[in-house]
Amino acid sequence: MRFFKRIITKILIFFSLLFIISSVIGVIVYSRYPLYYKEDIGKAANKYNIDPYLIVSIINVESGFHKEAKSSKDARGLMQIVDQTGEWGAKELKIANYQKDNLFDPKLNIELGTWYLERLGKEFDGDLNLILAAYNGGSGNVNKWLKDKNYSKDGKKLDKIPFKETENYVEKVKSGYENYKKLYGEINFQDAGYDSLFINYIYKLKSYIKEIEE
């Protein structure tokens, strides 16, 4: 009887440890692929016919879901939109009283970023590599590369991206896009979005620690 109790105890301990390890791994994985502003992303995705997980992956790579992110090139907000693109989008979408600080507003930023993705999709016939390369490196550069035999053999697809940053960006977004689809599956993006206070707190804490180290 004692023998069986020991076996059962060991089995319970094993599965408990397995559960704990799985939970820790799950937390680590999902922290790398967070999902916030679900409702705003869902609405923009439906409006412009863009896969919501592509938008999510771009936001994660661009800003890590930090709504007040600002780059050295003055790209702003969740999808890191520059003022020139913001003004263009606001004019096309008839958004009144646009100012570049409005790009820190998550809903507007997602709207403009998704609208821009749709425009790039039309320009590059839905080719995801070209769309992402243009989002990061500029559509003018992508069109120039397509005309250069060193980067494109057929003038339709890029065989090589000369900007290393853009090349890495395309791969990061595509990888994240696939991982998001695997992790979250078919969820309803029309539900209320998640609160971003926690992710903003972590971002500010990391910035504070970096300042102390410097």
C-alpha atoms as a PDB file:
ATOM      1  CA  MET A   1       0.000   0.000   0.000  1.00  0.00           C
ATOM      2  CA  ARG A   2       2.817   2.378   0.931  1.00  0.00           C
ATOM      3  CA  PHE A   3       4.546   1.546  -2.341  1.00  0.00           C
ATOM      4  CA  PHE A   4       1.509   2.651  -4.360  1.00  0.00           C
ATOM      5  CA  LYS A   5       1.177   5.834  -2.283  1.00  0.00           C
ATOM      6  CA  ARG A   6       4.796   6.707  -3.061  1.00  0.00           C
ATOM      7  CA  ILE A   7       4.223   6.093  -6.768  1.00  0.00           C
ATOM      8  CA  ILE A   8       1.083   8.252  -6.766  1.00  0.00           C
ATOM      9  CA  THR A   9       2.901  10.995  -4.825  1.00  0.00           C
ATOM     10  CA  LYS A  10       5.774  10.991  -7.323  1.00  0.00           C
ATOM     11  CA  ILE A  11       3.342  11.115 -10.239  1.00  0.00           C
ATOM     12  CA  LEU A  12       1.505  14.066  -8.666  1.00  0.00           C
ATOM     13  CA  ILE A  13       4.791  15.887  -8.039  1.00  0.00           C
ATOM     14  CA  PHE A  14       5.890  15.242 -11.624  1.00  0.00           C
ATOM     15  CA  PHE A  15       2.678  16.624 -13.134  1.00  0.00           C
ATOM     16  CA  SER A  16       2.718  19.582 -10.732  1.00  0.00           C
ATOM     17  CA  LEU A  17       6.248  20.472 -11.836  1.00  0.00           C
ATOM     18  CA  LEU A  18       5.248  19.969 -15.463  1.00  0.00           C
ATOM     19  CA  PHE A  19       2.303  22.336 -14.989  1.00  0.00           C
ATOM     20  CA  ILE A  20       4.496  24.981 -13.321  1.00  0.00           C
ATOM     21  CA  ILE A  21       7.144  24.764 -16.054  1.00  0.00           C
ATOM     22  CA  SER A  22       4.487  24.954 -18.781  1.00  0.00           C
ATOM     23  CA  SER A  23       2.898  27.974 -17.092  1.00  0.00           C
ATOM     24  CA  VAL A  24       6.232  29.802 -16.839  1.00  0.00           C
ATOM     25  CA  ILE A  25       7.022  29.070 -20.488  1.00  0.00           C
ATOM     26  CA  GLY A  26       3.534  30.271 -21.438  1.00  0.00           C
ATOM     27  CA  VAL A  27       3.988  33.548 -19.561  1.00  0.00           C
ATOM     28  CA  ILE A  28       7.364  34.138 -21.225  1.00  0.00           C
ATOM     29  CA  VAL A  29       6.022  33.384 -24.712  1.00  0.00           C
ATOM     30  CA  TYR A  30       2.891  35.516 -24.356  1.00  0.00           C
ATOM     31  CA  SER A  31       4.906  38.388 -22.878  1.00  0.00           C
ATOM     32  CA  ARG A  32       6.900  38.420 -26.131  1.00  0.00           C
ATOM     33  CA  TYR A  33       3.674  38.540 -28.118  1.00  0.00           C
ATOM     34  CA  PRO A  34       1.254  40.764 -26.182  1.00  0.00           C
ATOM     35  CA  LEU A  35      -2.108  41.839 -27.553  1.00  0.00           C
ATOM     36  CA  TYR A  36      -3.617  45.198 -26.638  1.00  0.00           C
ATOM     37  CA  TYR A  37      -6.075  47.628 -28.291  1.00  0.00           C
ATOM     38  CA  LYS A  38      -7.913  44.632 -29.703  1.00  0.00           C
ATOM     39  CA  GLU A  39     -11.135  46.487 -30.505  1.00  0.00           C
ATOM     40  CA  ASP A  40      -9.409  49.377 -32.311  1.00  0.00           C
ATOM     41  CA  ILE A  41      -7.283  46.924 -34.291  1.00  0.00           C
ATOM     42  CA  GLY A  42     -10.353  44.870 -35.189  1.00  0.00           C
ATOM     43  CA  LYS A  43     -12.287  47.883 -36.464  1.00  0.00           C
ATOM     44  CA  ALA A  44      -9.380  49.143 -38.571  1.00  0.00           C
ATOM     45  CA  ALA A  45      -8.700  45.639 -39.913  1.00  0.00           C
ATOM     46  CA  ASN A  46     -12.316  45.263 -41.044  1.00  0.00           C
ATOM     47  CA  LYS A  47     -12.451  48.744 -42.546  1.00  0.00           C
ATOM     48  CA  TYR A  48      -9.298  48.342 -44.645  1.00  0.00           C
ATOM     49  CA  ASN A  49      -9.416  44.566 -45.172  1.00  0.00           C
ATOM     50  CA  ILE A  50      -6.093  43.887 -43.444  1.00  0.00           C
ATOM     51  CA  ASP A  51      -5.404  40.792 -41.331  1.00  0.00           C
ATOM     52  CA  PRO A  52      -5.557  42.021 -37.700  1.00  0.00           C
ATOM     53  CA  TYR A  53      -2.614  39.831 -36.732  1.00  0.00           C
ATOM     54  CA  LEU A  54      -0.446  41.629 -39.285  1.00  0.00           C
ATOM     55  CA  ILE A  55      -1.350  44.929 -37.624  1.00  0.00           C
ATOM     56  CA  VAL A  56      -0.616  43.432 -34.199  1.00  0.00           C
ATOM     57  CA  SER A  57       2.787  42.145 -35.305  1.00  0.00           C
ATOM     58  CA  ILE A  58       3.725  45.511 -36.812  1.00  0.00           C
ATOM     59  CA  ILE A  59       2.743  47.302 -33.604  1.00  0.00           C
ATOM     60  CA  ASN A  60       4.763  44.850 -31.514  1.00  0.00           C
ATOM     61  CA  VAL A  61       7.874  45.342 -33.666  1.00  0.00           C
ATOM     62  CA  GLU A  62       7.435  49.091 -34.108  1.00  0.00           C
ATOM     63  CA  SER A  63       6.637  50.187 -30.557  1.00  0.00           C
ATOM     64  CA  GLY A  64       6.138  47.164 -28.307  1.00  0.00           C
ATOM     65  CA  PHE A  65       2.587  48.489 -27.753  1.00  0.00           C
ATOM     66  CA  HIS A  66       3.906  51.657 -26.102  1.00  0.00           C
ATOM     67  CA  LYS A  67       1.490  54.355 -27.251  1.00  0.00           C
ATOM     68  CA  GLU A  68       3.897  57.228 -26.541  1.00  0.00           C
ATOM     69  CA  ALA A  69       6.849  55.713 -28.408  1.00  0.00           C
ATOM     70  CA  LYS A  70       8.878  58.203 -30.438  1.00  0.00           C
ATOM     71  CA  SER A  71      11.810  57.359 -32.701  1.00  0.00           C
ATOM     72  CA  SER A  72      14.922  59.365 -33.555  1.00  0.00           C
ATOM     73  CA  LYS A  73      13.205  60.164 -36.880  1.00  0.00           C
ATOM     74  CA  ASP A  74      10.166  61.510 -34.998  1.00  0.00           C
ATOM     75  CA  ALA A  75       7.948  58.564 -35.933  1.00  0.00           C
ATOM     76  CA  ARG A  76       5.233  58.434 -33.301  1.00  0.00           C
ATOM     77  CA  GLY A  77       2.828  56.140 -31.527  1.00  0.00           C
ATOM     78  CA  LEU A  78       1.942  52.479 -31.771  1.00  0.00           C
ATOM     79  CA  MET A  79       2.618  52.050 -35.497  1.00  0.00           C
ATOM     80  CA  GLN A  80       5.429  54.650 -35.591  1.00  0.00           C
ATOM     81  CA  ILE A  81       3.932  57.030 -38.126  1.00  0.00           C
ATOM     82  CA  VAL A  82       5.838  60.108 -39.278  1.00  0.00           C
ATOM     83  CA  ASP A  83       4.057  63.444 -39.506  1.00  0.00           C
ATOM     84  CA  GLN A  84       4.142  63.522 -43.319  1.00  0.00           C
ATOM     85  CA  THR A  85       2.230  60.233 -43.525  1.00  0.00           C
ATOM     86  CA  GLY A  86      -0.070  61.371 -40.731  1.00  0.00           C
ATOM     87  CA  GLU A  87      -0.967  64.589 -42.571  1.00  0.00           C
ATOM     88  CA  TRP A  88      -1.513  62.704 -45.821  1.00  0.00           C
ATOM     89  CA  GLY A  89      -3.742  60.123 -44.146  1.00  0.00           C
ATOM     90  CA  ALA A  90      -5.702  62.736 -42.195  1.00  0.00           C
ATOM     91  CA  LYS A  91      -6.385  64.636 -45.422  1.00  0.00           C
ATOM     92  CA  GLU A  92      -7.463  61.491 -47.294  1.00  0.00           C
ATOM     93  CA  LEU A  93      -9.683  60.337 -44.429  1.00  0.00           C
ATOM     94  CA  LYS A  94     -11.035  63.851 -43.803  1.00  0.00           C
ATOM     95  CA  ILE A  95      -9.864  63.904 -40.185  1.00  0.00           C
ATOM     96  CA  ALA A  96     -10.329  67.447 -38.892  1.00  0.00           C
ATOM     97  CA  ASN A  97      -7.868  69.401 -36.735  1.00  0.00           C
ATOM     98  CA  TYR A  98      -5.000  66.971 -37.232  1.00  0.00           C
ATOM     99  CA  GLN A  99      -1.758  67.696 -35.344  1.00  0.00           C
ATOM    100  CA  LYS A 100       1.279  65.443 -35.123  1.00  0.00           C
ATOM    101  CA  ASP A 101       0.792  64.947 -31.383  1.00  0.00           C
ATOM    102  CA  ASN A 102      -2.495  63.248 -32.302  1.00  0.00           C
ATOM    103  CA  LEU A 103      -0.342  60.337 -33.476  1.00  0.00           C
ATOM    104  CA  PHE A 104       0.068  59.360 -29.824  1.00  0.00           C
ATOM    105  CA  ASP A 105      -3.651  58.573 -29.725  1.00  0.00           C
ATOM    106  CA  PRO A 106      -3.884  54.762 -30.133  1.00  0.00           C
ATOM    107  CA  LYS A 107      -7.156  54.727 -32.066  1.00  0.00           C
ATOM    108  CA  LEU A 108      -6.049  57.357 -34.592  1.00  0.00           C
ATOM    109  CA  ASN A 109      -2.573  55.870 -34.927  1.00  0.00           C
ATOM    110  CA  ILE A 110      -3.973  52.417 -35.677  1.00  0.00           C
ATOM    111  CA  GLU A 111      -6.454  53.914 -38.153  1.00  0.00           C
ATOM    112  CA  LEU A 112      -3.743  55.809 -40.046  1.00  0.00           C
ATOM    113  CA  GLY A 113      -1.251  52.940 -39.935  1.00  0.00           C
ATOM    114  CA  THR A 114      -3.788  50.444 -41.256  1.00  0.00           C
ATOM    115  CA  TRP A 115      -4.943  52.874 -43.948  1.00  0.00           C
ATOM    116  CA  TYR A 116      -1.306  53.228 -45.010  1.00  0.00           C
ATOM    117  CA  LEU A 117      -0.909  49.439 -45.155  1.00  0.00           C
ATOM    118  CA  GLU A 118      -3.921  49.279 -47.465  1.00  0.00           C
ATOM    119  CA  ARG A 119      -2.371  51.911 -49.742  1.00  0.00           C
ATOM    120  CA  LEU A 120       0.900  49.999 -49.856  1.00  0.00           C
ATOM    121  CA  GLY A 121      -1.024  46.801 -50.577  1.00  0.00           C
ATOM    122  CA  LYS A 122      -2.601  48.399 -53.639  1.00  0.00           C
ATOM    123  CA  GLU A 123       0.712  49.852 -54.776  1.00  0.00           C
ATOM    124  CA  PHE A 124       2.581  46.546 -54.498  1.00  0.00           C
ATOM    125  CA  ASP A 125      -0.201  44.135 -55.507  1.00  0.00           C
ATOM    126  CA  GLY A 126      -0.525  42.617 -52.048  1.00  0.00           C
ATOM    127  CA  ASP A 127       3.086  41.358 -51.921  1.00  0.00           C
ATOM    128  CA  LEU A 128       3.744  41.186 -48.165  1.00  0.00           C
ATOM    129  CA  ASN A 129       7.525  41.472 -48.480  1.00  0.00           C
ATOM    130  CA  LEU A 130       7.234  44.634 -50.566  1.00  0.00           C
ATOM    131  CA  ILE A 131       4.531  46.098 -48.318  1.00  0.00           C
ATOM    132  CA  LEU A 132       6.620  45.622 -45.176  1.00  0.00           C
ATOM    133  CA  ALA A 133       9.814  46.809 -46.860  1.00  0.00           C
ATOM    134  CA  ALA A 134       7.976  49.960 -47.969  1.00  0.00           C
ATOM    135  CA  TYR A 135       6.431  50.503 -44.527  1.00  0.00           C
ATOM    136  CA  ASN A 136       9.903  50.508 -43.005  1.00  0.00           C
ATOM    137  CA  GLY A 137      12.173  51.765 -45.779  1.00  0.00           C
ATOM    138  CA  GLY A 138       9.783  53.872 -47.845  1.00  0.00           C
ATOM    139  CA  SER A 139       7.856  53.036 -51.015  1.00  0.00           C
ATOM    140  CA  GLY A 140      10.184  55.246 -53.067  1.00  0.00           C
ATOM    141  CA  ASN A 141      13.160  53.105 -52.100  1.00  0.00           C
ATOM    142  CA  VAL A 142      11.290  49.867 -52.795  1.00  0.00           C
ATOM    143  CA  ASN A 143      10.306  51.055 -56.283  1.00  0.00           C
ATOM    144  CA  LYS A 144      13.923  52.048 -56.893  1.00  0.00           C
ATOM    145  CA  TRP A 145      15.186  48.631 -55.755  1.00  0.00           C
ATOM    146  CA  LEU A 146      12.692  46.857 -58.024  1.00  0.00           C
ATOM    147  CA  LYS A 147      14.230  48.646 -61.014  1.00  0.00           C
ATOM    148  CA  ASP A 148      17.752  47.642 -59.984  1.00  0.00           C
ATOM    149  CA  LYS A 149      18.945  44.246 -61.292  1.00  0.00           C
ATOM    150  CA  ASN A 150      21.199  43.935 -58.255  1.00  0.00           C
ATOM    151  CA  TYR A 151      18.128  43.664 -56.037  1.00  0.00           C
ATOM    152  CA  SER A 152      15.357  42.393 -58.329  1.00  0.00           C
ATOM    153  CA  LYS A 153      15.710  40.068 -61.309  1.00  0.00           C
ATOM    154  CA  ASP A 154      12.146  40.393 -62.576  1.00  0.00           C
ATOM    155  CA  GLY A 155      11.233  43.876 -61.342  1.00  0.00           C
ATOM    156  CA  LYS A 156       8.318  42.429 -59.378  1.00  0.00           C
ATOM    157  CA  LYS A 157       9.906  40.852 -56.313  1.00  0.00           C
ATOM    158  CA  LEU A 158      12.934  41.757 -54.243  1.00  0.00           C
ATOM    159  CA  ASP A 159      15.715  39.176 -54.267  1.00  0.00           C
ATOM    160  CA  LYS A 160      17.724  41.283 -51.855  1.00  0.00           C
ATOM    161  CA  ILE A 161      16.977  44.245 -49.592  1.00  0.00           C
ATOM    162  CA  PRO A 162      19.983  46.595 -49.442  1.00  0.00           C
ATOM    163  CA  PHE A 163      18.985  48.136 -46.095  1.00  0.00           C
ATOM    164  CA  LYS A 164      19.900  45.670 -43.332  1.00  0.00           C
ATOM    165  CA  GLU A 165      17.470  47.333 -40.933  1.00  0.00           C
ATOM    166  CA  THR A 166      14.624  46.909 -43.426  1.00  0.00           C
ATOM    167  CA  GLU A 167      15.611  43.314 -44.168  1.00  0.00           C
ATOM    168  CA  ASN A 168      15.547  42.477 -40.449  1.00  0.00           C
ATOM    169  CA  TYR A 169      12.284  44.369 -40.014  1.00  0.00           C
ATOM    170  CA  VAL A 170      10.519  42.365 -42.723  1.00  0.00           C
ATOM    171  CA  GLU A 171      11.631  39.070 -41.175  1.00  0.00           C
ATOM    172  CA  LYS A 172      10.658  40.141 -37.636  1.00  0.00           C
ATOM    173  CA  VAL A 173       7.169  41.216 -38.645  1.00  0.00           C
ATOM    174  CA  LYS A 174       6.562  38.094 -40.740  1.00  0.00           C
ATOM    175  CA  SER A 175       7.803  35.828 -37.941  1.00  0.00           C
ATOM    176  CA  GLY A 176       5.672  37.650 -35.375  1.00  0.00           C
ATOM    177  CA  TYR A 177       2.680  37.503 -37.713  1.00  0.00           C
ATOM    178  CA  GLU A 178       2.867  33.702 -37.886  1.00  0.00           C
ATOM    179  CA  ASN A 179       3.494  33.336 -34.153  1.00  0.00           C
ATOM    180  CA  TYR A 180       0.544  35.557 -33.253  1.00  0.00           C
ATOM    181  CA  LYS A 181      -1.773  33.450 -35.409  1.00  0.00           C
ATOM    182  CA  LYS A 182      -0.519  30.260 -33.748  1.00  0.00           C
ATOM    183  CA  LEU A 183      -0.735  31.632 -30.201  1.00  0.00           C
ATOM    184  CA  TYR A 184      -4.104  33.382 -30.315  1.00  0.00           C
ATOM    185  CA  GLY A 185      -5.957  31.586 -33.100  1.00  0.00           C
ATOM    186  CA  GLU A 186      -9.379  32.832 -34.168  1.00  0.00           C
ATOM    187  CA  ILE A 187     -10.369  35.419 -31.582  1.00  0.00           C
ATOM    188  CA  ASN A 188     -12.991  38.140 -31.832  1.00  0.00           C
ATOM    189  CA  PHE A 189     -11.163  41.412 -32.392  1.00  0.00           C
ATOM    190  CA  GLN A 190     -14.420  43.304 -31.926  1.00  0.00           C
ATOM    191  CA  ASP A 191     -14.366  42.642 -28.173  1.00  0.00           C
ATOM    192  CA  ALA A 192     -13.182  45.425 -25.887  1.00  0.00           C
ATOM    193  CA  GLY A 193      -9.421  45.938 -26.128  1.00  0.00           C
ATOM    194  CA  TYR A 194      -7.011  45.251 -23.315  1.00  0.00           C
ATOM    195  CA  ASP A 195      -5.753  48.018 -21.060  1.00  0.00           C
ATOM    196  CA  SER A 196      -2.233  49.140 -21.945  1.00  0.00           C
ATOM    197  CA  LEU A 197      -1.314  50.553 -18.530  1.00  0.00           C
ATOM    198  CA  PHE A 198       0.830  47.543 -17.630  1.00  0.00           C
ATOM    199  CA  ILE A 199       2.865  47.595 -20.834  1.00  0.00           C
ATOM    200  CA  ASN A 200       3.406  51.361 -20.490  1.00  0.00           C
ATOM    201  CA  TYR A 201       4.543  50.857 -16.892  1.00  0.00           C
ATOM    202  CA  ILE A 202       7.068  48.193 -17.953  1.00  0.00           C
ATOM    203  CA  TYR A 203       8.342  50.461 -20.748  1.00  0.00           C
ATOM    204  CA  LYS A 204       8.879  53.373 -18.351  1.00  0.00           C
ATOM    205  CA  LEU A 205      10.524  51.092 -15.777  1.00  0.00           C
ATOM    206  CA  LYS A 206      12.969  49.778 -18.404  1.00  0.00           C
ATOM    207  CA  SER A 207      13.761  53.357 -19.479  1.00  0.00           C
ATOM    208  CA  TYR A 208      14.357  54.341 -15.844  1.00  0.00           C
ATOM    209  CA  ILE A 209      16.703  51.381 -15.267  1.00  0.00           C
ATOM    210  CA  LYS A 210      18.600  52.263 -18.462  1.00  0.00           C
ATOM    211  CA  GLU A 211      19.057  55.861 -17.251  1.00  0.00           C
ATOM    212  CA  ILE A 212      20.443  54.627 -13.924  1.00  0.00           C
ATOM    213  CA  GLU A 213      22.893  52.280 -15.683  1.00  0.00           C
ATOM    214  CA  GLU A 214      24.144  55.133 -17.877  1.00  0.00           C
END
